[in-house]
Amino acid sequence: MATDPLGVSSRMKTLVALLFLGSLGLAWCCSRPPGATNIARSGEASQISDYQSEPIGYAKKAIDGGTDTNWYHGFCTHTNADPSPWWKVDLKQKFKVNVVVVTGRTDDAMGRMMGAEVRIGNSPDNNNPVCGKVTQVADATTIFCCNGMEGQYVSVVIPGRSEFLHLCEVEVYGDPIAQENRVCW
């Protein structure tokens, strides 16, 4: 096997290049699908609590289709500073979820979203598998590639600390899972 002066084999270089290019391909595939329907819009949203200051940040505001990221304009959700606060949408049926887009505030509180998890599954109590975690807040919008995770519920949870949770929009893109036709006699 040929090696270069640093002792790295050409096979190893090829493997690293393929892994790098494969990672780029995965990153490029994760975006809002053009023309796809945001299935969260027809769901039912709920959250742990409603922050009682005007404008009140009800859970349904995160699935209203608005993308204004300034809390003071009245289009975002807001909880109290609850331990492990959560927000969720019941999609009303099971889906294979491919992409979740979470948009938070930009007015002054983006840092509160650090560590928030997007969870997808069939448990209404938010104890579902994690699709991804907010690891940076330089941009109000974070796109999560969920690669067909199955579930009826999509939630955003800040685990392990008391915090305010606020979301300006949550978009969910995926495909319904075919229901079995069952005949009862």
N, C-alpha and C. Protein backbone atom coordinates (compact mmCIF):
# COMPACT_ATOMS: atom_id res chain seq x y z
N MET A 1 0.84 -1.16 0.00
CA MET A 1 0.00 0.00 0.00
C MET A 1 0.90 1.23 0.00
N ALA A 2 0.62 2.15 -0.90
CA ALA A 2 1.43 3.36 -1.02
C ALA A 2 1.08 4.33 0.10
N THR A 3 2.11 4.98 0.61
CA THR A 3 1.88 5.99 1.64
C THR A 3 2.57 7.27 1.23
N ASP A 4 2.09 8.35 1.77
CA ASP A 4 2.73 9.63 1.49
C ASP A 4 3.78 9.88 2.58
N PRO A 5 4.51 11.01 2.50
CA PRO A 5 5.55 11.27 3.49
C PRO A 5 5.05 11.30 4.92
N LEU A 6 3.76 11.58 5.14
CA LEU A 6 3.24 11.61 6.51
C LEU A 6 2.76 10.24 6.97
N GLY A 7 2.79 9.27 6.07
CA GLY A 7 2.40 7.91 6.44
C GLY A 7 0.91 7.64 6.33
N VAL A 8 0.16 8.48 5.65
CA VAL A 8 -1.27 8.27 5.49
C VAL A 8 -1.49 7.53 4.18
N SER A 9 -2.18 6.43 4.24
CA SER A 9 -2.39 5.63 3.04
C SER A 9 -3.36 6.33 2.09
N SER A 10 -3.22 6.01 0.81
CA SER A 10 -4.12 6.59 -0.18
C SER A 10 -5.54 6.08 0.04
N ARG A 11 -5.70 4.84 0.52
CA ARG A 11 -7.03 4.33 0.82
C ARG A 11 -7.69 5.14 1.93
N MET A 12 -6.90 5.49 2.92
CA MET A 12 -7.43 6.27 4.03
C MET A 12 -7.87 7.65 3.55
N LYS A 13 -7.06 8.26 2.68
CA LYS A 13 -7.43 9.57 2.14
C LYS A 13 -8.72 9.47 1.35
N THR A 14 -8.86 8.40 0.57
CA THR A 14 -10.08 8.21 -0.22
C THR A 14 -11.28 8.03 0.69
N LEU A 15 -11.12 7.23 1.75
CA LEU A 15 -12.20 7.00 2.69
C LEU A 15 -12.63 8.31 3.36
N VAL A 16 -11.68 9.10 3.81
CA VAL A 16 -11.98 10.39 4.44
C VAL A 16 -12.71 11.30 3.46
N ALA A 17 -12.25 11.35 2.22
CA ALA A 17 -12.90 12.19 1.21
C ALA A 17 -14.33 11.73 0.97
N LEU A 18 -14.56 10.42 0.87
CA LEU A 18 -15.92 9.92 0.67
C LEU A 18 -16.82 10.22 1.86
N LEU A 19 -16.30 10.04 3.07
CA LEU A 19 -17.08 10.36 4.25
C LEU A 19 -17.44 11.84 4.29
N PHE A 20 -16.48 12.68 3.96
CA PHE A 20 -16.72 14.12 3.95
C PHE A 20 -17.78 14.48 2.92
N LEU A 21 -17.64 13.96 1.71
CA LEU A 21 -18.61 14.25 0.66
C LEU A 21 -19.98 13.69 1.01
N GLY A 22 -20.03 12.50 1.62
CA GLY A 22 -21.31 11.94 2.06
C GLY A 22 -21.97 12.80 3.11
N SER A 23 -21.19 13.35 4.02
CA SER A 23 -21.73 14.25 5.04
C SER A 23 -22.29 15.50 4.40
N LEU A 24 -21.59 16.04 3.40
CA LEU A 24 -22.10 17.21 2.71
C LEU A 24 -23.41 16.90 2.02
N GLY A 25 -23.51 15.72 1.43
CA GLY A 25 -24.75 15.33 0.77
C GLY A 25 -25.90 15.28 1.75
N LEU A 26 -25.67 14.74 2.95
CA LEU A 26 -26.72 14.70 3.95
C LEU A 26 -27.11 16.10 4.39
N ALA A 27 -26.15 16.97 4.54
CA ALA A 27 -26.44 18.34 4.97
C ALA A 27 -27.23 19.08 3.90
N TRP A 28 -26.91 18.86 2.64
CA TRP A 28 -27.60 19.54 1.56
C TRP A 28 -29.05 19.07 1.45
N CYS A 29 -29.35 17.82 1.84
CA CYS A 29 -30.69 17.26 1.69
C CYS A 29 -31.65 17.78 2.75
N CYS A 30 -31.16 18.35 3.80
CA CYS A 30 -32.02 18.75 4.89
C CYS A 30 -32.42 20.21 4.75
N SER A 31 -33.60 20.43 4.23
CA SER A 31 -34.13 21.78 4.09
C SER A 31 -35.65 21.67 3.96
N ARG A 32 -36.31 22.82 3.96
CA ARG A 32 -37.75 22.82 3.73
C ARG A 32 -37.98 22.28 2.32
N PRO A 33 -38.73 21.20 2.19
CA PRO A 33 -38.97 20.65 0.86
C PRO A 33 -39.80 21.63 0.01
N PRO A 34 -39.35 21.96 -1.20
CA PRO A 34 -40.10 22.89 -2.04
C PRO A 34 -41.50 22.35 -2.34
N GLY A 35 -42.50 23.16 -2.08
CA GLY A 35 -43.88 22.78 -2.37
C GLY A 35 -44.52 21.84 -1.37
N ALA A 36 -43.78 21.39 -0.36
CA ALA A 36 -44.34 20.46 0.62
C ALA A 36 -45.28 21.18 1.58
N THR A 37 -46.21 20.45 2.14
CA THR A 37 -47.17 20.99 3.09
C THR A 37 -46.62 20.88 4.51
N ASN A 38 -46.72 21.98 5.25
CA ASN A 38 -46.35 22.00 6.65
C ASN A 38 -47.48 21.30 7.42
N ILE A 39 -47.26 20.05 7.81
CA ILE A 39 -48.32 19.26 8.45
C ILE A 39 -48.62 19.71 9.87
N ALA A 40 -47.78 20.50 10.47
CA ALA A 40 -48.06 21.02 11.82
C ALA A 40 -49.26 21.95 11.81
N ARG A 41 -49.48 22.63 10.70
CA ARG A 41 -50.57 23.62 10.61
C ARG A 41 -51.94 23.02 10.90
N SER A 42 -52.14 21.74 10.59
CA SER A 42 -53.44 21.12 10.84
C SER A 42 -53.47 20.33 12.15
N GLY A 43 -52.43 20.45 12.95
CA GLY A 43 -52.38 19.77 14.23
C GLY A 43 -52.96 20.60 15.35
N GLU A 44 -52.83 20.08 16.56
CA GLU A 44 -53.31 20.77 17.76
C GLU A 44 -52.12 20.97 18.71
N ALA A 45 -51.83 22.23 19.00
CA ALA A 45 -50.66 22.55 19.83
C ALA A 45 -51.05 22.72 21.29
N SER A 46 -50.11 22.37 22.18
CA SER A 46 -50.27 22.59 23.62
C SER A 46 -48.89 22.83 24.20
N GLN A 47 -48.86 23.38 25.41
CA GLN A 47 -47.59 23.62 26.11
C GLN A 47 -47.81 23.55 27.60
N ILE A 48 -46.72 23.50 28.34
CA ILE A 48 -46.77 23.31 29.78
C ILE A 48 -47.51 24.45 30.50
N SER A 49 -47.36 25.68 30.04
CA SER A 49 -48.01 26.82 30.68
C SER A 49 -48.05 27.99 29.69
N ASP A 50 -48.86 28.98 30.00
CA ASP A 50 -48.94 30.21 29.20
C ASP A 50 -48.44 31.38 30.04
N TYR A 51 -47.42 32.05 29.56
CA TYR A 51 -46.88 33.24 30.21
C TYR A 51 -47.94 34.33 30.16
N GLN A 52 -48.33 34.83 31.31
CA GLN A 52 -49.47 35.75 31.42
C GLN A 52 -49.07 37.21 31.33
N SER A 53 -48.40 37.56 30.28
CA SER A 53 -48.05 38.95 30.01
C SER A 53 -48.44 39.24 28.57
N GLU A 54 -48.93 40.41 28.33
CA GLU A 54 -49.35 40.76 26.96
C GLU A 54 -48.14 40.90 26.05
N PRO A 55 -48.16 40.32 24.88
CA PRO A 55 -49.20 39.44 24.36
C PRO A 55 -49.04 38.03 24.91
N ILE A 56 -50.13 37.38 25.26
CA ILE A 56 -50.05 36.03 25.82
C ILE A 56 -49.60 35.07 24.72
N GLY A 57 -48.61 34.25 25.05
CA GLY A 57 -47.99 33.37 24.05
C GLY A 57 -48.59 31.99 24.00
N TYR A 58 -49.83 31.89 23.56
CA TYR A 58 -50.50 30.60 23.47
C TYR A 58 -49.78 29.64 22.53
N ALA A 59 -49.89 28.35 22.82
CA ALA A 59 -49.19 27.31 22.05
C ALA A 59 -49.53 27.33 20.57
N LYS A 60 -50.77 27.62 20.22
CA LYS A 60 -51.19 27.57 18.81
C LYS A 60 -50.48 28.60 17.94
N LYS A 61 -49.87 29.60 18.55
CA LYS A 61 -49.18 30.62 17.76
C LYS A 61 -47.97 30.06 17.02
N ALA A 62 -47.44 28.91 17.47
CA ALA A 62 -46.27 28.31 16.81
C ALA A 62 -46.64 27.53 15.55
N ILE A 63 -47.93 27.36 15.30
CA ILE A 63 -48.34 26.64 14.09
C ILE A 63 -49.31 27.47 13.26
N ASP A 64 -49.25 28.78 13.39
CA ASP A 64 -50.18 29.66 12.67
C ASP A 64 -49.67 30.11 11.30
N GLY A 65 -48.45 29.73 10.96
CA GLY A 65 -47.89 30.09 9.66
C GLY A 65 -47.13 31.40 9.66
N GLY A 66 -47.18 32.15 10.74
CA GLY A 66 -46.46 33.42 10.84
C GLY A 66 -45.01 33.20 11.22
N THR A 67 -44.13 34.02 10.67
CA THR A 67 -42.70 33.85 10.97
C THR A 67 -42.08 35.09 11.59
N ASP A 68 -42.90 35.97 12.14
CA ASP A 68 -42.38 37.16 12.84
C ASP A 68 -41.67 36.67 14.10
N THR A 69 -40.42 37.03 14.28
CA THR A 69 -39.61 36.52 15.39
C THR A 69 -39.50 37.49 16.56
N ASN A 70 -40.29 38.54 16.55
CA ASN A 70 -40.27 39.49 17.65
C ASN A 70 -41.46 39.21 18.58
N TRP A 71 -41.17 38.74 19.78
CA TRP A 71 -42.20 38.39 20.76
C TRP A 71 -43.21 39.51 20.95
N TYR A 72 -42.76 40.72 20.98
CA TYR A 72 -43.60 41.86 21.28
C TYR A 72 -44.64 42.14 20.19
N HIS A 73 -44.50 41.51 19.02
CA HIS A 73 -45.49 41.67 17.96
C HIS A 73 -46.67 40.71 18.11
N GLY A 74 -46.55 39.73 19.02
CA GLY A 74 -47.68 38.87 19.36
C GLY A 74 -47.84 37.59 18.57
N PHE A 75 -46.79 37.11 17.90
CA PHE A 75 -46.93 35.92 17.07
C PHE A 75 -46.17 34.71 17.60
N CYS A 76 -45.63 34.78 18.81
CA CYS A 76 -44.82 33.69 19.35
C CYS A 76 -45.46 33.09 20.60
N THR A 77 -45.09 31.84 20.90
CA THR A 77 -45.51 31.19 22.14
C THR A 77 -44.61 31.67 23.27
N HIS A 78 -45.02 31.40 24.49
CA HIS A 78 -44.17 31.74 25.65
C HIS A 78 -44.71 30.99 26.86
N THR A 79 -43.85 30.22 27.51
CA THR A 79 -44.23 29.55 28.75
C THR A 79 -43.70 30.33 29.94
N ASN A 80 -44.08 29.90 31.12
CA ASN A 80 -43.46 30.40 32.34
C ASN A 80 -42.08 29.76 32.45
N ALA A 81 -41.33 30.15 33.45
CA ALA A 81 -40.01 29.55 33.68
C ALA A 81 -40.20 28.23 34.41
N ASP A 82 -40.72 27.25 33.70
CA ASP A 82 -41.04 25.94 34.26
C ASP A 82 -39.84 25.01 34.22
N PRO A 83 -39.79 24.02 35.13
CA PRO A 83 -38.76 23.00 35.02
C PRO A 83 -39.02 22.15 33.77
N SER A 84 -38.01 21.96 32.95
CA SER A 84 -38.11 21.19 31.71
C SER A 84 -39.36 21.57 30.91
N PRO A 85 -39.45 22.84 30.49
CA PRO A 85 -40.65 23.28 29.77
C PRO A 85 -40.77 22.58 28.42
N TRP A 86 -42.02 22.43 27.97
CA TRP A 86 -42.28 21.75 26.71
C TRP A 86 -43.40 22.43 25.94
N TRP A 87 -43.36 22.21 24.64
CA TRP A 87 -44.40 22.58 23.69
C TRP A 87 -44.55 21.38 22.76
N LYS A 88 -45.77 21.08 22.31
CA LYS A 88 -45.92 19.96 21.37
C LYS A 88 -47.08 20.20 20.44
N VAL A 89 -47.02 19.50 19.31
CA VAL A 89 -48.12 19.48 18.36
C VAL A 89 -48.53 18.02 18.17
N ASP A 90 -49.85 17.79 18.29
CA ASP A 90 -50.45 16.49 18.00
C ASP A 90 -50.84 16.54 16.53
N LEU A 91 -50.19 15.73 15.71
CA LEU A 91 -50.44 15.73 14.27
C LEU A 91 -51.71 14.98 13.89
N LYS A 92 -52.38 14.37 14.86
CA LYS A 92 -53.66 13.68 14.70
C LYS A 92 -53.57 12.33 14.00
N GLN A 93 -52.41 11.97 13.51
CA GLN A 93 -52.15 10.65 12.95
C GLN A 93 -50.64 10.48 12.88
N LYS A 94 -50.19 9.26 12.62
CA LYS A 94 -48.76 8.99 12.56
C LYS A 94 -48.19 9.41 11.22
N PHE A 95 -47.00 10.00 11.30
CA PHE A 95 -46.27 10.43 10.11
C PHE A 95 -44.84 9.93 10.18
N LYS A 96 -44.20 9.83 9.01
CA LYS A 96 -42.75 9.67 8.91
C LYS A 96 -42.24 11.10 8.75
N VAL A 97 -41.64 11.62 9.80
CA VAL A 97 -41.20 13.02 9.81
C VAL A 97 -39.78 13.10 9.26
N ASN A 98 -39.62 13.93 8.24
CA ASN A 98 -38.32 14.10 7.60
C ASN A 98 -37.60 15.35 8.08
N VAL A 99 -38.32 16.47 8.19
CA VAL A 99 -37.71 17.75 8.54
C VAL A 99 -38.60 18.48 9.53
N VAL A 100 -37.97 19.06 10.56
CA VAL A 100 -38.65 19.96 11.49
C VAL A 100 -37.86 21.26 11.49
N VAL A 101 -38.58 22.37 11.31
CA VAL A 101 -37.97 23.69 11.30
C VAL A 101 -38.49 24.44 12.53
N VAL A 102 -37.58 24.84 13.41
CA VAL A 102 -37.95 25.56 14.63
C VAL A 102 -37.43 26.98 14.52
N THR A 103 -38.34 27.95 14.67
CA THR A 103 -37.96 29.36 14.63
C THR A 103 -38.27 29.97 15.99
N GLY A 104 -37.24 30.54 16.61
CA GLY A 104 -37.38 31.17 17.92
C GLY A 104 -37.35 32.68 17.81
N ARG A 105 -37.19 33.31 18.94
CA ARG A 105 -37.18 34.77 19.02
C ARG A 105 -35.84 35.36 18.59
N THR A 106 -35.90 36.59 18.08
CA THR A 106 -34.67 37.32 17.78
C THR A 106 -34.59 38.63 18.56
N ASP A 107 -35.64 38.98 19.27
CA ASP A 107 -35.65 40.29 19.92
C ASP A 107 -34.67 40.42 21.07
N ASP A 108 -34.54 39.41 21.92
CA ASP A 108 -33.55 39.53 23.00
C ASP A 108 -33.34 38.25 23.79
N ALA A 109 -33.93 37.15 23.38
CA ALA A 109 -33.91 35.96 24.23
C ALA A 109 -33.53 34.67 23.50
N MET A 110 -32.74 34.76 22.47
CA MET A 110 -32.38 33.57 21.69
C MET A 110 -31.63 32.55 22.52
N GLY A 111 -30.81 32.99 23.45
CA GLY A 111 -29.99 32.08 24.24
C GLY A 111 -30.78 31.09 25.06
N ARG A 112 -32.02 31.41 25.37
CA ARG A 112 -32.86 30.50 26.16
C ARG A 112 -33.11 29.18 25.44
N MET A 113 -33.00 29.17 24.12
CA MET A 113 -33.27 27.95 23.34
C MET A 113 -32.10 26.96 23.34
N MET A 114 -30.95 27.38 23.82
CA MET A 114 -29.79 26.48 23.82
C MET A 114 -30.12 25.19 24.57
N GLY A 115 -29.89 24.07 23.91
CA GLY A 115 -30.13 22.76 24.52
C GLY A 115 -31.54 22.22 24.31
N ALA A 116 -32.41 23.00 23.68
CA ALA A 116 -33.77 22.51 23.41
C ALA A 116 -33.70 21.30 22.49
N GLU A 117 -34.54 20.33 22.76
CA GLU A 117 -34.58 19.10 21.96
C GLU A 117 -35.89 19.02 21.17
N VAL A 118 -35.79 18.52 19.95
CA VAL A 118 -36.97 18.18 19.15
C VAL A 118 -37.15 16.68 19.30
N ARG A 119 -38.34 16.29 19.75
CA ARG A 119 -38.64 14.87 19.97
C ARG A 119 -39.83 14.47 19.10
N ILE A 120 -39.78 13.24 18.61
CA ILE A 120 -40.84 12.73 17.75
C ILE A 120 -41.20 11.31 18.18
N GLY A 121 -42.50 11.06 18.31
CA GLY A 121 -42.92 9.71 18.67
C GLY A 121 -44.41 9.64 18.90
N ASN A 122 -44.84 8.56 19.55
CA ASN A 122 -46.26 8.31 19.75
C ASN A 122 -46.70 8.49 21.20
N SER A 123 -45.80 8.94 22.05
CA SER A 123 -46.14 9.16 23.45
C SER A 123 -46.58 10.61 23.66
N PRO A 124 -47.81 10.82 24.15
CA PRO A 124 -48.27 12.20 24.35
C PRO A 124 -47.58 12.92 25.50
N ASP A 125 -46.78 12.20 26.30
CA ASP A 125 -46.11 12.84 27.44
C ASP A 125 -44.70 13.33 27.13
N ASN A 126 -44.34 13.45 25.85
CA ASN A 126 -43.06 13.99 25.38
C ASN A 126 -41.86 13.09 25.64
N ASN A 127 -42.06 11.88 26.13
CA ASN A 127 -40.95 10.94 26.32
C ASN A 127 -40.75 10.16 25.03
N ASN A 128 -40.31 10.86 24.02
CA ASN A 128 -40.12 10.29 22.69
C ASN A 128 -38.66 10.42 22.28
N PRO A 129 -38.26 9.68 21.25
CA PRO A 129 -36.88 9.78 20.76
C PRO A 129 -36.55 11.21 20.30
N VAL A 130 -35.29 11.56 20.47
CA VAL A 130 -34.80 12.89 20.11
C VAL A 130 -34.33 12.90 18.67
N CYS A 131 -34.86 13.83 17.88
CA CYS A 131 -34.40 14.03 16.51
C CYS A 131 -33.15 14.89 16.50
N GLY A 132 -33.12 15.92 17.33
CA GLY A 132 -31.97 16.82 17.37
C GLY A 132 -32.06 17.80 18.51
N LYS A 133 -30.97 18.54 18.67
CA LYS A 133 -30.85 19.48 19.79
C LYS A 133 -30.32 20.80 19.27
N VAL A 134 -30.81 21.90 19.84
CA VAL A 134 -30.31 23.23 19.49
C VAL A 134 -28.92 23.37 20.11
N THR A 135 -27.92 23.56 19.25
CA THR A 135 -26.53 23.67 19.72
C THR A 135 -25.91 25.03 19.43
N GLN A 136 -26.65 25.88 18.73
CA GLN A 136 -26.19 27.25 18.48
C GLN A 136 -27.41 28.13 18.29
N VAL A 137 -27.27 29.40 18.64
CA VAL A 137 -28.40 30.32 18.53
C VAL A 137 -28.03 31.58 17.76
N ALA A 138 -27.08 31.45 16.85
CA ALA A 138 -26.69 32.60 16.03
C ALA A 138 -27.81 32.99 15.06
N ASP A 139 -28.64 32.02 14.72
CA ASP A 139 -29.77 32.25 13.81
C ASP A 139 -31.03 31.79 14.53
N ALA A 140 -32.12 32.49 14.35
CA ALA A 140 -33.37 32.14 15.02
C ALA A 140 -33.97 30.84 14.50
N THR A 141 -33.61 30.43 13.28
CA THR A 141 -34.19 29.24 12.67
C THR A 141 -33.19 28.09 12.67
N THR A 142 -33.65 26.94 13.17
CA THR A 142 -32.84 25.73 13.18
C THR A 142 -33.61 24.65 12.44
N ILE A 143 -32.94 23.99 11.52
CA ILE A 143 -33.55 22.92 10.73
C ILE A 143 -33.02 21.59 11.24
N PHE A 144 -33.94 20.68 11.54
CA PHE A 144 -33.59 19.36 12.04
C PHE A 144 -33.94 18.31 10.99
N CYS A 145 -32.97 17.45 10.66
CA CYS A 145 -33.18 16.34 9.73
C CYS A 145 -33.59 15.13 10.56
N CYS A 146 -34.82 14.70 10.42
CA CYS A 146 -35.33 13.61 11.26
C CYS A 146 -35.41 12.28 10.51
N ASN A 147 -35.12 12.29 9.22
CA ASN A 147 -34.92 11.07 8.43
C ASN A 147 -36.01 10.02 8.59
N GLY A 148 -37.27 10.44 8.57
CA GLY A 148 -38.37 9.48 8.61
C GLY A 148 -38.74 8.96 9.98
N MET A 149 -38.35 9.67 11.04
CA MET A 149 -38.76 9.23 12.38
C MET A 149 -40.29 9.18 12.41
N GLU A 150 -40.82 8.14 13.03
CA GLU A 150 -42.26 7.95 13.04
C GLU A 150 -42.89 8.45 14.31
N GLY A 151 -44.04 9.12 14.15
CA GLY A 151 -44.77 9.54 15.33
C GLY A 151 -45.94 10.45 15.03
N GLN A 152 -46.79 10.58 16.04
CA GLN A 152 -47.96 11.44 15.99
C GLN A 152 -47.68 12.77 16.69
N TYR A 153 -46.68 12.78 17.57
CA TYR A 153 -46.37 13.98 18.35
C TYR A 153 -44.97 14.49 18.03
N VAL A 154 -44.88 15.81 17.85
CA VAL A 154 -43.59 16.48 17.70
C VAL A 154 -43.53 17.49 18.83
N SER A 155 -42.49 17.42 19.64
CA SER A 155 -42.38 18.34 20.77
C SER A 155 -41.03 19.01 20.80
N VAL A 156 -41.01 20.15 21.45
CA VAL A 156 -39.78 20.88 21.74
C VAL A 156 -39.70 20.96 23.25
N VAL A 157 -38.61 20.46 23.81
CA VAL A 157 -38.43 20.37 25.26
C VAL A 157 -37.07 20.94 25.62
N ILE A 158 -37.02 21.72 26.69
CA ILE A 158 -35.73 22.13 27.25
C ILE A 158 -35.54 21.29 28.51
N PRO A 159 -34.78 20.20 28.40
CA PRO A 159 -34.67 19.28 29.53
C PRO A 159 -33.68 19.75 30.60
N GLY A 160 -34.01 19.41 31.85
CA GLY A 160 -33.03 19.54 32.93
C GLY A 160 -32.84 20.92 33.53
N ARG A 161 -33.61 21.91 33.13
CA ARG A 161 -33.46 23.22 33.77
C ARG A 161 -34.79 23.97 33.71
N SER A 162 -34.94 24.91 34.61
CA SER A 162 -36.11 25.79 34.59
C SER A 162 -35.80 26.91 33.62
N GLU A 163 -36.73 27.14 32.69
CA GLU A 163 -36.49 28.11 31.63
C GLU A 163 -37.81 28.55 31.02
N PHE A 164 -37.80 29.71 30.39
CA PHE A 164 -38.90 30.13 29.55
C PHE A 164 -38.69 29.46 28.19
N LEU A 165 -39.75 28.91 27.62
CA LEU A 165 -39.68 28.35 26.27
C LEU A 165 -40.56 29.20 25.38
N HIS A 166 -39.99 29.70 24.30
CA HIS A 166 -40.77 30.48 23.36
C HIS A 166 -40.41 30.08 21.95
N LEU A 167 -41.45 29.95 21.14
CA LEU A 167 -41.30 29.52 19.75
C LEU A 167 -42.14 30.45 18.89
N CYS A 168 -41.58 30.88 17.78
CA CYS A 168 -42.35 31.73 16.87
C CYS A 168 -42.98 30.93 15.75
N GLU A 169 -42.38 29.82 15.39
CA GLU A 169 -43.00 28.91 14.41
C GLU A 169 -42.31 27.56 14.48
N VAL A 170 -43.11 26.51 14.33
CA VAL A 170 -42.60 25.15 14.21
C VAL A 170 -43.24 24.56 12.96
N GLU A 171 -42.41 24.16 12.02
CA GLU A 171 -42.88 23.55 10.78
C GLU A 171 -42.47 22.08 10.80
N VAL A 172 -43.37 21.22 10.33
CA VAL A 172 -43.11 19.79 10.29
C VAL A 172 -43.42 19.30 8.88
N TYR A 173 -42.47 18.58 8.29
CA TYR A 173 -42.63 18.05 6.94
C TYR A 173 -42.41 16.55 6.96
N GLY A 174 -43.34 15.82 6.38
CA GLY A 174 -43.21 14.37 6.34
C GLY A 174 -44.35 13.76 5.56
N ASP A 175 -44.44 12.45 5.67
CA ASP A 175 -45.43 11.69 4.91
C ASP A 175 -46.27 10.87 5.87
N PRO A 176 -47.59 10.79 5.61
CA PRO A 176 -48.44 9.98 6.48
C PRO A 176 -48.08 8.51 6.37
N ILE A 177 -48.26 7.81 7.48
CA ILE A 177 -48.07 6.36 7.48
C ILE A 177 -49.42 5.75 7.18
N ALA A 178 -49.47 4.90 6.18
CA ALA A 178 -50.73 4.29 5.76
C ALA A 178 -51.35 3.52 6.92
N GLN A 179 -52.62 3.80 7.14
CA GLN A 179 -53.37 3.09 8.17
C GLN A 179 -53.84 1.76 7.61
N GLU A 180 -53.77 0.73 8.44
CA GLU A 180 -54.26 -0.57 7.98
C GLU A 180 -55.79 -0.55 7.98
N ASN A 181 -56.37 -1.11 6.94
CA ASN A 181 -57.83 -1.25 6.91
C ASN A 181 -58.19 -2.50 7.69
N ARG A 182 -58.93 -2.32 8.75
CA ARG A 182 -59.31 -3.45 9.58
C ARG A 182 -60.83 -3.62 9.50
N VAL A 183 -61.21 -4.85 9.29
CA VAL A 183 -62.62 -5.16 9.20
C VAL A 183 -63.01 -5.92 10.47
N CYS A 184 -64.03 -5.42 11.13
CA CYS A 184 -64.51 -6.08 12.34
C CYS A 184 -65.84 -6.77 12.02
N TRP A 185 -65.97 -8.01 12.39
CA TRP A 185 -67.22 -8.75 12.13
C TRP A 185 -67.99 -8.90 13.39
